[in-house]
Amino acid sequence: MGKEFKYVGSTFPCGHAVRKVTGDLLYGCDLKLPKMLYAKLLLSTIPHGIVKKIDTSRAEKVPGVVKIFSHLNAPDKMFNSYRIIPGQQLSFEDEPSFPEE
């Protein structure tokens, strides 16, 4: 560990600090792509409440709404196709296989 580090233990200037605090710097969440969809998360106002029904009829009529997701139309089977390492085996044998990038 006798190697000297360039930045560890020392200070260095942050050239974009002014752009950060003024709101001029763009972040990943500022990215807008063609045909990009947006999501709105609606949380319960009642902690630990039990949702018995959801009326989404008005929201479904809003122009541009593609799909409304809730626990009522979610699949019964839970799965996770997230892989940390490319080529890593899936968590469950019957998960869909996605092509490697």
PDB file of N, CA and C in Angstrom:
ATOM      1  N   MET A   1       0.815  -1.199   0.000  1.00  0.00           N
ATOM      2  CA  MET A   1       0.000   0.000   0.000  1.00  0.00           C
ATOM      3  C   MET A   1       0.857   1.260   0.000  1.00  0.00           C
ATOM      4  N   GLY A   2       2.083   1.144  -0.427  1.00  0.00           N
ATOM      5  CA  GLY A   2       2.956   2.303  -0.462  1.00  0.00           C
ATOM      6  C   GLY A   2       2.642   3.243  -1.612  1.00  0.00           C
ATOM      7  N   LYS A   3       1.685   2.896  -2.444  1.00  0.00           N
ATOM      8  CA  LYS A   3       1.331   3.696  -3.614  1.00  0.00           C
ATOM      9  C   LYS A   3       0.616   4.975  -3.187  1.00  0.00           C
ATOM     10  N   GLU A   4       1.003   6.075  -3.768  1.00  0.00           N
ATOM     11  CA  GLU A   4       0.345   7.353  -3.477  1.00  0.00           C
ATOM     12  C   GLU A   4      -0.934   7.465  -4.308  1.00  0.00           C
ATOM     13  N   PHE A   5      -2.009   7.930  -3.682  1.00  0.00           N
ATOM     14  CA  PHE A   5      -3.259   8.141  -4.376  1.00  0.00           C
ATOM     15  C   PHE A   5      -3.368   9.595  -4.796  1.00  0.00           C
ATOM     16  N   LYS A   6      -3.948   9.825  -5.940  1.00  0.00           N
ATOM     17  CA  LYS A   6      -4.042  11.175  -6.472  1.00  0.00           C
ATOM     18  C   LYS A   6      -5.100  12.010  -5.739  1.00  0.00           C
ATOM     19  N   TYR A   7      -6.272  11.414  -5.435  1.00  0.00           N
ATOM     20  CA  TYR A   7      -7.363  12.180  -4.841  1.00  0.00           C
ATOM     21  C   TYR A   7      -7.672  11.821  -3.396  1.00  0.00           C
ATOM     22  N   VAL A   8      -7.378  10.581  -2.981  1.00  0.00           N
ATOM     23  CA  VAL A   8      -7.694  10.152  -1.626  1.00  0.00           C
ATOM     24  C   VAL A   8      -6.838  10.931  -0.637  1.00  0.00           C
ATOM     25  N   GLY A   9      -7.506  11.523   0.351  1.00  0.00           N
ATOM     26  CA  GLY A   9      -6.793  12.259   1.389  1.00  0.00           C
ATOM     27  C   GLY A   9      -6.419  13.669   0.993  1.00  0.00           C
ATOM     28  N   SER A  10      -6.861  14.138  -0.143  1.00  0.00           N
ATOM     29  CA  SER A  10      -6.556  15.513  -0.548  1.00  0.00           C
ATOM     30  C   SER A  10      -7.814  16.162  -1.107  1.00  0.00           C
ATOM     31  N   THR A  11      -7.752  17.452  -1.270  1.00  0.00           N
ATOM     32  CA  THR A  11      -8.894  18.171  -1.826  1.00  0.00           C
ATOM     33  C   THR A  11      -8.652  18.447  -3.300  1.00  0.00           C
ATOM     34  N   PHE A  12      -9.725  18.594  -4.019  1.00  0.00           N
ATOM     35  CA  PHE A  12      -9.610  18.956  -5.429  1.00  0.00           C
ATOM     36  C   PHE A  12     -10.826  19.805  -5.783  1.00  0.00           C
ATOM     37  N   PRO A  13     -10.676  20.713  -6.732  1.00  0.00           N
ATOM     38  CA  PRO A  13     -11.777  21.632  -7.050  1.00  0.00           C
ATOM     39  C   PRO A  13     -12.930  20.913  -7.736  1.00  0.00           C
ATOM     40  N   CYS A  14     -14.121  21.362  -7.441  1.00  0.00           N
ATOM     41  CA  CYS A  14     -15.332  20.836  -8.071  1.00  0.00           C
ATOM     42  C   CYS A  14     -15.774  21.882  -9.092  1.00  0.00           C
ATOM     43  N   GLY A  15     -15.432  21.661 -10.349  1.00  0.00           N
ATOM     44  CA  GLY A  15     -15.670  22.648 -11.385  1.00  0.00           C
ATOM     45  C   GLY A  15     -17.134  22.911 -11.696  1.00  0.00           C
ATOM     46  N   HIS A  16     -18.032  22.003 -11.325  1.00  0.00           N
ATOM     47  CA  HIS A  16     -19.438  22.190 -11.652  1.00  0.00           C
ATOM     48  C   HIS A  16     -20.301  22.527 -10.435  1.00  0.00           C
ATOM     49  N   ALA A  17     -19.693  22.966  -9.339  1.00  0.00           N
ATOM     50  CA  ALA A  17     -20.443  23.270  -8.122  1.00  0.00           C
ATOM     51  C   ALA A  17     -21.454  24.392  -8.351  1.00  0.00           C
ATOM     52  N   VAL A  18     -21.047  25.434  -9.065  1.00  0.00           N
ATOM     53  CA  VAL A  18     -21.950  26.568  -9.314  1.00  0.00           C
ATOM     54  C   VAL A  18     -23.144  26.101 -10.148  1.00  0.00           C
ATOM     55  N   ARG A  19     -22.899  25.246 -11.149  1.00  0.00           N
ATOM     56  CA  ARG A  19     -23.988  24.740 -11.980  1.00  0.00           C
ATOM     57  C   ARG A  19     -24.945  23.865 -11.162  1.00  0.00           C
ATOM     58  N   LYS A  20     -24.417  23.150 -10.177  1.00  0.00           N
ATOM     59  CA  LYS A  20     -25.265  22.311  -9.327  1.00  0.00           C
ATOM     60  C   LYS A  20     -26.212  23.175  -8.492  1.00  0.00           C
ATOM     61  N   VAL A  21     -25.679  24.163  -7.807  1.00  0.00           N
ATOM     62  CA  VAL A  21     -26.499  24.957  -6.885  1.00  0.00           C
ATOM     63  C   VAL A  21     -27.440  25.916  -7.598  1.00  0.00           C
ATOM     64  N   THR A  22     -27.153  26.256  -8.845  1.00  0.00           N
ATOM     65  CA  THR A  22     -28.053  27.141  -9.596  1.00  0.00           C
ATOM     66  C   THR A  22     -29.100  26.366 -10.379  1.00  0.00           C
ATOM     67  N   GLY A  23     -28.982  25.032 -10.425  1.00  0.00           N
ATOM     68  CA  GLY A  23     -29.944  24.212 -11.142  1.00  0.00           C
ATOM     69  C   GLY A  23     -29.648  24.102 -12.625  1.00  0.00           C
ATOM     70  N   ASP A  24     -28.497  24.581 -13.069  1.00  0.00           N
ATOM     71  CA  ASP A  24     -28.126  24.559 -14.481  1.00  0.00           C
ATOM     72  C   ASP A  24     -27.589  23.189 -14.917  1.00  0.00           C
ATOM     73  N   LEU A  25     -27.046  22.405 -13.997  1.00  0.00           N
ATOM     74  CA  LEU A  25     -26.451  21.116 -14.327  1.00  0.00           C
ATOM     75  C   LEU A  25     -27.547  20.070 -14.549  1.00  0.00           C
ATOM     76  N   LEU A  26     -27.443  19.298 -15.620  1.00  0.00           N
ATOM     77  CA  LEU A  26     -28.428  18.260 -15.910  1.00  0.00           C
ATOM     78  C   LEU A  26     -28.039  16.945 -15.242  1.00  0.00           C
ATOM     79  N   TYR A  27     -29.031  16.248 -14.710  1.00  0.00           N
ATOM     80  CA  TYR A  27     -28.837  14.949 -14.071  1.00  0.00           C
ATOM     81  C   TYR A  27     -29.542  13.883 -14.898  1.00  0.00           C
ATOM     82  N   GLY A  28     -29.340  12.630 -14.548  1.00  0.00           N
ATOM     83  CA  GLY A  28     -29.986  11.537 -15.260  1.00  0.00           C
ATOM     84  C   GLY A  28     -31.499  11.646 -15.259  1.00  0.00           C
ATOM     85  N   CYS A  29     -32.078  12.165 -14.171  1.00  0.00           N
ATOM     86  CA  CYS A  29     -33.541  12.292 -14.102  1.00  0.00           C
ATOM     87  C   CYS A  29     -34.050  13.395 -15.022  1.00  0.00           C
ATOM     88  N   ASP A  30     -33.167  14.229 -15.552  1.00  0.00           N
ATOM     89  CA  ASP A  30     -33.561  15.276 -16.497  1.00  0.00           C
ATOM     90  C   ASP A  30     -33.642  14.763 -17.931  1.00  0.00           C
ATOM     91  N   LEU A  31     -33.253  13.523 -18.147  1.00  0.00           N
ATOM     92  CA  LEU A  31     -33.215  12.932 -19.482  1.00  0.00           C
ATOM     93  C   LEU A  31     -34.630  12.742 -20.029  1.00  0.00           C
ATOM     94  N   LYS A  32     -34.827  13.182 -21.259  1.00  0.00           N
ATOM     95  CA  LYS A  32     -36.115  13.002 -21.928  1.00  0.00           C
ATOM     96  C   LYS A  32     -35.866  12.328 -23.269  1.00  0.00           C
ATOM     97  N   LEU A  33     -36.518  11.188 -23.486  1.00  0.00           N
ATOM     98  CA  LEU A  33     -36.352  10.414 -24.712  1.00  0.00           C
ATOM     99  C   LEU A  33     -37.657  10.408 -25.509  1.00  0.00           C
ATOM    100  N   PRO A  34     -37.577  10.180 -26.819  1.00  0.00           N
ATOM    101  CA  PRO A  34     -38.808  10.092 -27.610  1.00  0.00           C
ATOM    102  C   PRO A  34     -39.695   8.950 -27.106  1.00  0.00           C
ATOM    103  N   LYS A  35     -40.986   9.197 -27.074  1.00  0.00           N
ATOM    104  CA  LYS A  35     -41.997   8.218 -26.633  1.00  0.00           C
ATOM    105  C   LYS A  35     -41.768   7.742 -25.197  1.00  0.00           C
ATOM    106  N   MET A  36     -41.132   8.565 -24.393  1.00  0.00           N
ATOM    107  CA  MET A  36     -40.836   8.210 -23.002  1.00  0.00           C
ATOM    108  C   MET A  36     -42.122   8.205 -22.176  1.00  0.00           C
ATOM    109  N   LEU A  37     -42.280   7.188 -21.344  1.00  0.00           N
ATOM    110  CA  LEU A  37     -43.420   7.101 -20.448  1.00  0.00           C
ATOM    111  C   LEU A  37     -43.027   7.596 -19.066  1.00  0.00           C
ATOM    112  N   TYR A  38     -43.990   8.127 -18.341  1.00  0.00           N
ATOM    113  CA  TYR A  38     -43.774   8.603 -16.986  1.00  0.00           C
ATOM    114  C   TYR A  38     -44.683   7.828 -16.053  1.00  0.00           C
ATOM    115  N   ALA A  39     -44.291   7.736 -14.810  1.00  0.00           N
ATOM    116  CA  ALA A  39     -45.089   7.024 -13.817  1.00  0.00           C
ATOM    117  C   ALA A  39     -45.438   7.964 -12.671  1.00  0.00           C
ATOM    118  N   LYS A  40     -46.594   7.754 -12.110  1.00  0.00           N
ATOM    119  CA  LYS A  40     -47.036   8.496 -10.936  1.00  0.00           C
ATOM    120  C   LYS A  40     -47.345   7.471  -9.862  1.00  0.00           C
ATOM    121  N   LEU A  41     -46.706   7.597  -8.734  1.00  0.00           N
ATOM    122  CA  LEU A  41     -46.918   6.673  -7.626  1.00  0.00           C
ATOM    123  C   LEU A  41     -47.880   7.310  -6.636  1.00  0.00           C
ATOM    124  N   LEU A  42     -48.975   6.657  -6.388  1.00  0.00           N
ATOM    125  CA  LEU A  42     -49.952   7.146  -5.428  1.00  0.00           C
ATOM    126  C   LEU A  42     -49.917   6.235  -4.210  1.00  0.00           C
ATOM    127  N   LEU A  43     -49.590   6.813  -3.075  1.00  0.00           N
ATOM    128  CA  LEU A  43     -49.492   6.040  -1.833  1.00  0.00           C
ATOM    129  C   LEU A  43     -50.738   6.256  -0.977  1.00  0.00           C
ATOM    130  N   SER A  44     -51.010   5.328  -0.125  1.00  0.00           N
ATOM    131  CA  SER A  44     -52.162   5.411   0.761  1.00  0.00           C
ATOM    132  C   SER A  44     -51.982   6.544   1.769  1.00  0.00           C
ATOM    133  N   THR A  45     -53.079   7.197   2.074  1.00  0.00           N
ATOM    134  CA  THR A  45     -53.051   8.238   3.116  1.00  0.00           C
ATOM    135  C   THR A  45     -53.323   7.640   4.487  1.00  0.00           C
ATOM    136  N   ILE A  46     -53.652   6.341   4.508  1.00  0.00           N
ATOM    137  CA  ILE A  46     -53.945   5.658   5.766  1.00  0.00           C
ATOM    138  C   ILE A  46     -52.845   4.630   6.015  1.00  0.00           C
ATOM    139  N   PRO A  47     -51.968   4.880   6.994  1.00  0.00           N
ATOM    140  CA  PRO A  47     -50.897   3.913   7.269  1.00  0.00           C
ATOM    141  C   PRO A  47     -51.467   2.550   7.660  1.00  0.00           C
ATOM    142  N   HIS A  48     -50.921   1.498   7.086  1.00  0.00           N
ATOM    143  CA  HIS A  48     -51.308   0.118   7.366  1.00  0.00           C
ATOM    144  C   HIS A  48     -52.774  -0.165   7.028  1.00  0.00           C
ATOM    145  N   GLY A  49     -53.367   0.682   6.179  1.00  0.00           N
ATOM    146  CA  GLY A  49     -54.753   0.460   5.769  1.00  0.00           C
ATOM    147  C   GLY A  49     -54.853  -0.710   4.812  1.00  0.00           C
ATOM    148  N   ILE A  50     -56.030  -1.254   4.676  1.00  0.00           N
ATOM    149  CA  ILE A  50     -56.275  -2.365   3.765  1.00  0.00           C
ATOM    150  C   ILE A  50     -57.045  -1.832   2.570  1.00  0.00           C
ATOM    151  N   VAL A  51     -56.480  -1.979   1.382  1.00  0.00           N
ATOM    152  CA  VAL A  51     -57.133  -1.522   0.158  1.00  0.00           C
ATOM    153  C   VAL A  51     -58.127  -2.587  -0.268  1.00  0.00           C
ATOM    154  N   LYS A  52     -59.399  -2.240  -0.269  1.00  0.00           N
ATOM    155  CA  LYS A  52     -60.434  -3.190  -0.660  1.00  0.00           C
ATOM    156  C   LYS A  52     -60.807  -3.043  -2.121  1.00  0.00           C
ATOM    157  N   LYS A  53     -60.770  -1.816  -2.649  1.00  0.00           N
ATOM    158  CA  LYS A  53     -61.054  -1.602  -4.063  1.00  0.00           C
ATOM    159  C   LYS A  53     -60.429  -0.286  -4.506  1.00  0.00           C
ATOM    160  N   ILE A  54     -60.204  -0.179  -5.796  1.00  0.00           N
ATOM    161  CA  ILE A  54     -59.639   1.034  -6.387  1.00  0.00           C
ATOM    162  C   ILE A  54     -60.449   1.344  -7.636  1.00  0.00           C
ATOM    163  N   ASP A  55     -60.954   2.573  -7.717  1.00  0.00           N
ATOM    164  CA  ASP A  55     -61.696   2.995  -8.899  1.00  0.00           C
ATOM    165  C   ASP A  55     -60.752   3.813  -9.781  1.00  0.00           C
ATOM    166  N   THR A  56     -60.313   3.216 -10.872  1.00  0.00           N
ATOM    167  CA  THR A  56     -59.371   3.881 -11.773  1.00  0.00           C
ATOM    168  C   THR A  56     -60.048   4.406 -13.034  1.00  0.00           C
ATOM    169  N   SER A  57     -61.368   4.403 -13.073  1.00  0.00           N
ATOM    170  CA  SER A  57     -62.094   4.762 -14.297  1.00  0.00           C
ATOM    171  C   SER A  57     -61.784   6.181 -14.763  1.00  0.00           C
ATOM    172  N   ARG A  58     -61.716   7.142 -13.860  1.00  0.00           N
ATOM    173  CA  ARG A  58     -61.413   8.523 -14.267  1.00  0.00           C
ATOM    174  C   ARG A  58     -59.983   8.644 -14.764  1.00  0.00           C
ATOM    175  N   ALA A  59     -59.048   7.980 -14.109  1.00  0.00           N
ATOM    176  CA  ALA A  59     -57.639   8.047 -14.518  1.00  0.00           C
ATOM    177  C   ALA A  59     -57.435   7.393 -15.877  1.00  0.00           C
ATOM    178  N   GLU A  60     -58.168   6.329 -16.155  1.00  0.00           N
ATOM    179  CA  GLU A  60     -58.037   5.641 -17.436  1.00  0.00           C
ATOM    180  C   GLU A  60     -58.488   6.501 -18.606  1.00  0.00           C
ATOM    181  N   LYS A  61     -59.356   7.487 -18.362  1.00  0.00           N
ATOM    182  CA  LYS A  61     -59.866   8.373 -19.412  1.00  0.00           C
ATOM    183  C   LYS A  61     -58.942   9.557 -19.700  1.00  0.00           C
ATOM    184  N   VAL A  62     -57.923   9.759 -18.870  1.00  0.00           N
ATOM    185  CA  VAL A  62     -57.006  10.887 -19.070  1.00  0.00           C
ATOM    186  C   VAL A  62     -56.178  10.630 -20.323  1.00  0.00           C
ATOM    187  N   PRO A  63     -56.123  11.605 -21.260  1.00  0.00           N
ATOM    188  CA  PRO A  63     -55.334  11.406 -22.479  1.00  0.00           C
ATOM    189  C   PRO A  63     -53.871  11.113 -22.163  1.00  0.00           C
ATOM    190  N   GLY A  64     -53.315  10.106 -22.818  1.00  0.00           N
ATOM    191  CA  GLY A  64     -51.914   9.745 -22.629  1.00  0.00           C
ATOM    192  C   GLY A  64     -51.674   8.638 -21.622  1.00  0.00           C
ATOM    193  N   VAL A  65     -52.688   8.293 -20.816  1.00  0.00           N
ATOM    194  CA  VAL A  65     -52.520   7.207 -19.850  1.00  0.00           C
ATOM    195  C   VAL A  65     -52.444   5.893 -20.610  1.00  0.00           C
ATOM    196  N   VAL A  66     -51.368   5.142 -20.371  1.00  0.00           N
ATOM    197  CA  VAL A  66     -51.145   3.880 -21.065  1.00  0.00           C
ATOM    198  C   VAL A  66     -51.656   2.707 -20.238  1.00  0.00           C
ATOM    199  N   LYS A  67     -51.344   2.690 -18.964  1.00  0.00           N
ATOM    200  CA  LYS A  67     -51.715   1.561 -18.108  1.00  0.00           C
ATOM    201  C   LYS A  67     -51.742   2.022 -16.658  1.00  0.00           C
ATOM    202  N   ILE A  68     -52.618   1.441 -15.878  1.00  0.00           N
ATOM    203  CA  ILE A  68     -52.680   1.697 -14.447  1.00  0.00           C
ATOM    204  C   ILE A  68     -52.380   0.386 -13.741  1.00  0.00           C
ATOM    205  N   PHE A  69     -51.390   0.414 -12.882  1.00  0.00           N
ATOM    206  CA  PHE A  69     -50.970  -0.785 -12.160  1.00  0.00           C
ATOM    207  C   PHE A  69     -51.360  -0.672 -10.691  1.00  0.00           C
ATOM    208  N   SER A  70     -51.817  -1.775 -10.153  1.00  0.00           N
ATOM    209  CA  SER A  70     -52.113  -1.841  -8.723  1.00  0.00           C
ATOM    210  C   SER A  70     -51.971  -3.297  -8.287  1.00  0.00           C
ATOM    211  N   HIS A  71     -52.200  -3.539  -7.029  1.00  0.00           N
ATOM    212  CA  HIS A  71     -52.138  -4.913  -6.537  1.00  0.00           C
ATOM    213  C   HIS A  71     -53.281  -5.752  -7.109  1.00  0.00           C
ATOM    214  N   LEU A  72     -54.302  -5.091  -7.636  1.00  0.00           N
ATOM    215  CA  LEU A  72     -55.449  -5.823  -8.173  1.00  0.00           C
ATOM    216  C   LEU A  72     -55.180  -6.426  -9.546  1.00  0.00           C
ATOM    217  N   ASN A  73     -54.246  -5.831 -10.324  1.00  0.00           N
ATOM    218  CA  ASN A  73     -53.955  -6.396 -11.642  1.00  0.00           C
ATOM    219  C   ASN A  73     -52.507  -6.863 -11.766  1.00  0.00           C
ATOM    220  N   ALA A  74     -51.839  -7.030 -10.644  1.00  0.00           N
ATOM    221  CA  ALA A  74     -50.458  -7.530 -10.646  1.00  0.00           C
ATOM    222  C   ALA A  74     -50.473  -9.056 -10.707  1.00  0.00           C
ATOM    223  N   PRO A  75     -49.425  -9.657 -11.284  1.00  0.00           N
ATOM    224  CA  PRO A  75     -49.375 -11.126 -11.316  1.00  0.00           C
ATOM    225  C   PRO A  75     -49.284 -11.714  -9.911  1.00  0.00           C
ATOM    226  N   ASP A  76     -49.875 -12.873  -9.734  1.00  0.00           N
ATOM    227  CA  ASP A  76     -49.827 -13.538  -8.429  1.00  0.00           C
ATOM    228  C   ASP A  76     -48.419 -14.026  -8.100  1.00  0.00           C
ATOM    229  N   LYS A  77     -47.687 -14.405  -9.145  1.00  0.00           N
ATOM    230  CA  LYS A  77     -46.356 -14.961  -8.946  1.00  0.00           C
ATOM    231  C   LYS A  77     -45.320 -13.839  -8.914  1.00  0.00           C
ATOM    232  N   MET A  78     -44.518 -13.809  -7.883  1.00  0.00           N
ATOM    233  CA  MET A  78     -43.469 -12.801  -7.783  1.00  0.00           C
ATOM    234  C   MET A  78     -42.209 -13.313  -8.468  1.00  0.00           C
ATOM    235  N   PHE A  79     -41.487 -12.418  -9.113  1.00  0.00           N
ATOM    236  CA  PHE A  79     -40.235 -12.800  -9.744  1.00  0.00           C
ATOM    237  C   PHE A  79     -39.296 -11.615  -9.757  1.00  0.00           C
ATOM    238  N   ASN A  80     -38.037 -11.913  -9.995  1.00  0.00           N
ATOM    239  CA  ASN A  80     -37.016 -10.877 -10.067  1.00  0.00           C
ATOM    240  C   ASN A  80     -36.032 -11.288 -11.143  1.00  0.00           C
ATOM    241  N   SER A  81     -35.995 -10.543 -12.236  1.00  0.00           N
ATOM    242  CA  SER A  81     -35.076 -10.887 -13.316  1.00  0.00           C
ATOM    243  C   SER A  81     -33.824 -10.020 -13.289  1.00  0.00           C
ATOM    244  N   TYR A  82     -33.568  -9.358 -12.168  1.00  0.00           N
ATOM    245  CA  TYR A  82     -32.392  -8.516 -12.043  1.00  0.00           C
ATOM    246  C   TYR A  82     -31.145  -9.378 -11.890  1.00  0.00           C
ATOM    247  N   ARG A  83     -30.132  -9.058 -12.651  1.00  0.00           N
ATOM    248  CA  ARG A  83     -28.863  -9.778 -12.559  1.00  0.00           C
ATOM    249  C   ARG A  83     -27.749  -8.789 -12.259  1.00  0.00           C
ATOM    250  N   ILE A  84     -26.930  -9.088 -11.293  1.00  0.00           N
ATOM    251  CA  ILE A  84     -25.826  -8.208 -10.934  1.00  0.00           C
ATOM    252  C   ILE A  84     -24.676  -8.379 -11.919  1.00  0.00           C
ATOM    253  N   ILE A  85     -24.408  -9.606 -12.298  1.00  0.00           N
ATOM    254  CA  ILE A  85     -23.284  -9.922 -13.184  1.00  0.00           C
ATOM    255  C   ILE A  85     -23.835 -10.415 -14.510  1.00  0.00           C
ATOM    256  N   PRO A  86     -23.379  -9.863 -15.661  1.00  0.00           N
ATOM    257  CA  PRO A  86     -23.853 -10.386 -16.945  1.00  0.00           C
ATOM    258  C   PRO A  86     -23.606 -11.886 -17.047  1.00  0.00           C
ATOM    259  N   GLY A  87     -24.605 -12.625 -17.524  1.00  0.00           N
ATOM    260  CA  GLY A  87     -24.491 -14.065 -17.642  1.00  0.00           C
ATOM    261  C   GLY A  87     -24.862 -14.809 -16.373  1.00  0.00           C
ATOM    262  N   GLN A  88     -25.160 -14.071 -15.301  1.00  0.00           N
ATOM    263  CA  GLN A  88     -25.525 -14.700 -14.034  1.00  0.00           C
ATOM    264  C   GLN A  88     -26.837 -15.462 -14.207  1.00  0.00           C
ATOM    265  N   GLN A  89     -26.959 -16.611 -13.563  1.00  0.00           N
ATOM    266  CA  GLN A  89     -28.193 -17.381 -13.646  1.00  0.00           C
ATOM    267  C   GLN A  89     -29.321 -16.618 -12.969  1.00  0.00           C
ATOM    268  N   LEU A  90     -30.522 -16.828 -13.471  1.00  0.00           N
ATOM    269  CA  LEU A  90     -31.689 -16.162 -12.910  1.00  0.00           C
ATOM    270  C   LEU A  90     -32.052 -16.761 -11.558  1.00  0.00           C
ATOM    271  N   SER A  91     -32.837 -16.002 -10.792  1.00  0.00           N
ATOM    272  CA  SER A  91     -33.238 -16.450  -9.466  1.00  0.00           C
ATOM    273  C   SER A  91     -34.145 -17.669  -9.526  1.00  0.00           C
ATOM    274  N   PHE A  92     -35.033 -17.707 -10.527  1.00  0.00           N
ATOM    275  CA  PHE A  92     -35.960 -18.814 -10.666  1.00  0.00           C
ATOM    276  C   PHE A  92     -35.771 -19.436 -12.038  1.00  0.00           C
ATOM    277  N   GLU A  93     -35.920 -20.737 -12.132  1.00  0.00           N
ATOM    278  CA  GLU A  93     -35.697 -21.431 -13.402  1.00  0.00           C
ATOM    279  C   GLU A  93     -36.699 -21.037 -14.475  1.00  0.00           C
ATOM    280  N   ASP A  94     -37.919 -20.698 -14.095  1.00  0.00           N
ATOM    281  CA  ASP A  94     -38.947 -20.418 -15.099  1.00  0.00           C
ATOM    282  C   ASP A  94     -39.105 -18.926 -15.386  1.00  0.00           C
ATOM    283  N   GLU A  95     -38.137 -18.102 -14.984  1.00  0.00           N
ATOM    284  CA  GLU A  95     -38.190 -16.676 -15.335  1.00  0.00           C
ATOM    285  C   GLU A  95     -37.907 -16.516 -16.820  1.00  0.00           C
ATOM    286  N   PRO A  96     -38.436 -15.462 -17.434  1.00  0.00           N
ATOM    287  CA  PRO A  96     -38.137 -15.241 -18.839  1.00  0.00           C
ATOM    288  C   PRO A  96     -36.648 -14.934 -19.020  1.00  0.00           C
ATOM    289  N   SER A  97     -36.094 -15.370 -20.103  1.00  0.00           N
ATOM    290  CA  SER A  97     -34.681 -15.125 -20.371  1.00  0.00           C
ATOM    291  C   SER A  97     -34.553 -13.925 -21.295  1.00  0.00           C
ATOM    292  N   PHE A  98     -33.783 -12.932 -20.876  1.00  0.00           N
ATOM    293  CA  PHE A  98     -33.578 -11.738 -21.671  1.00  0.00           C
ATOM    294  C   PHE A  98     -32.245 -11.820 -22.386  1.00  0.00           C
ATOM    295  N   PRO A  99     -32.158 -11.352 -23.621  1.00  0.00           N
ATOM    296  CA  PRO A  99     -30.869 -11.411 -24.330  1.00  0.00           C
ATOM    297  C   PRO A  99     -29.832 -10.541 -23.652  1.00  0.00           C
ATOM    298  N   GLU A 100     -28.608 -10.996 -23.672  1.00  0.00           N
ATOM    299  CA  GLU A 100     -27.510 -10.215 -23.091  1.00  0.00           C
ATOM    300  C   GLU A 100     -27.235  -9.006 -23.970  1.00  0.00           C
ATOM    301  N   GLU A 101     -26.869  -7.904 -23.361  1.00  0.00           N
ATOM    302  CA  GLU A 101     -26.573  -6.691 -24.121  1.00  0.00           C
ATOM    303  C   GLU A 101     -25.127  -6.676 -24.524  1.00  0.00           C
TER     304      GLU A 101
END
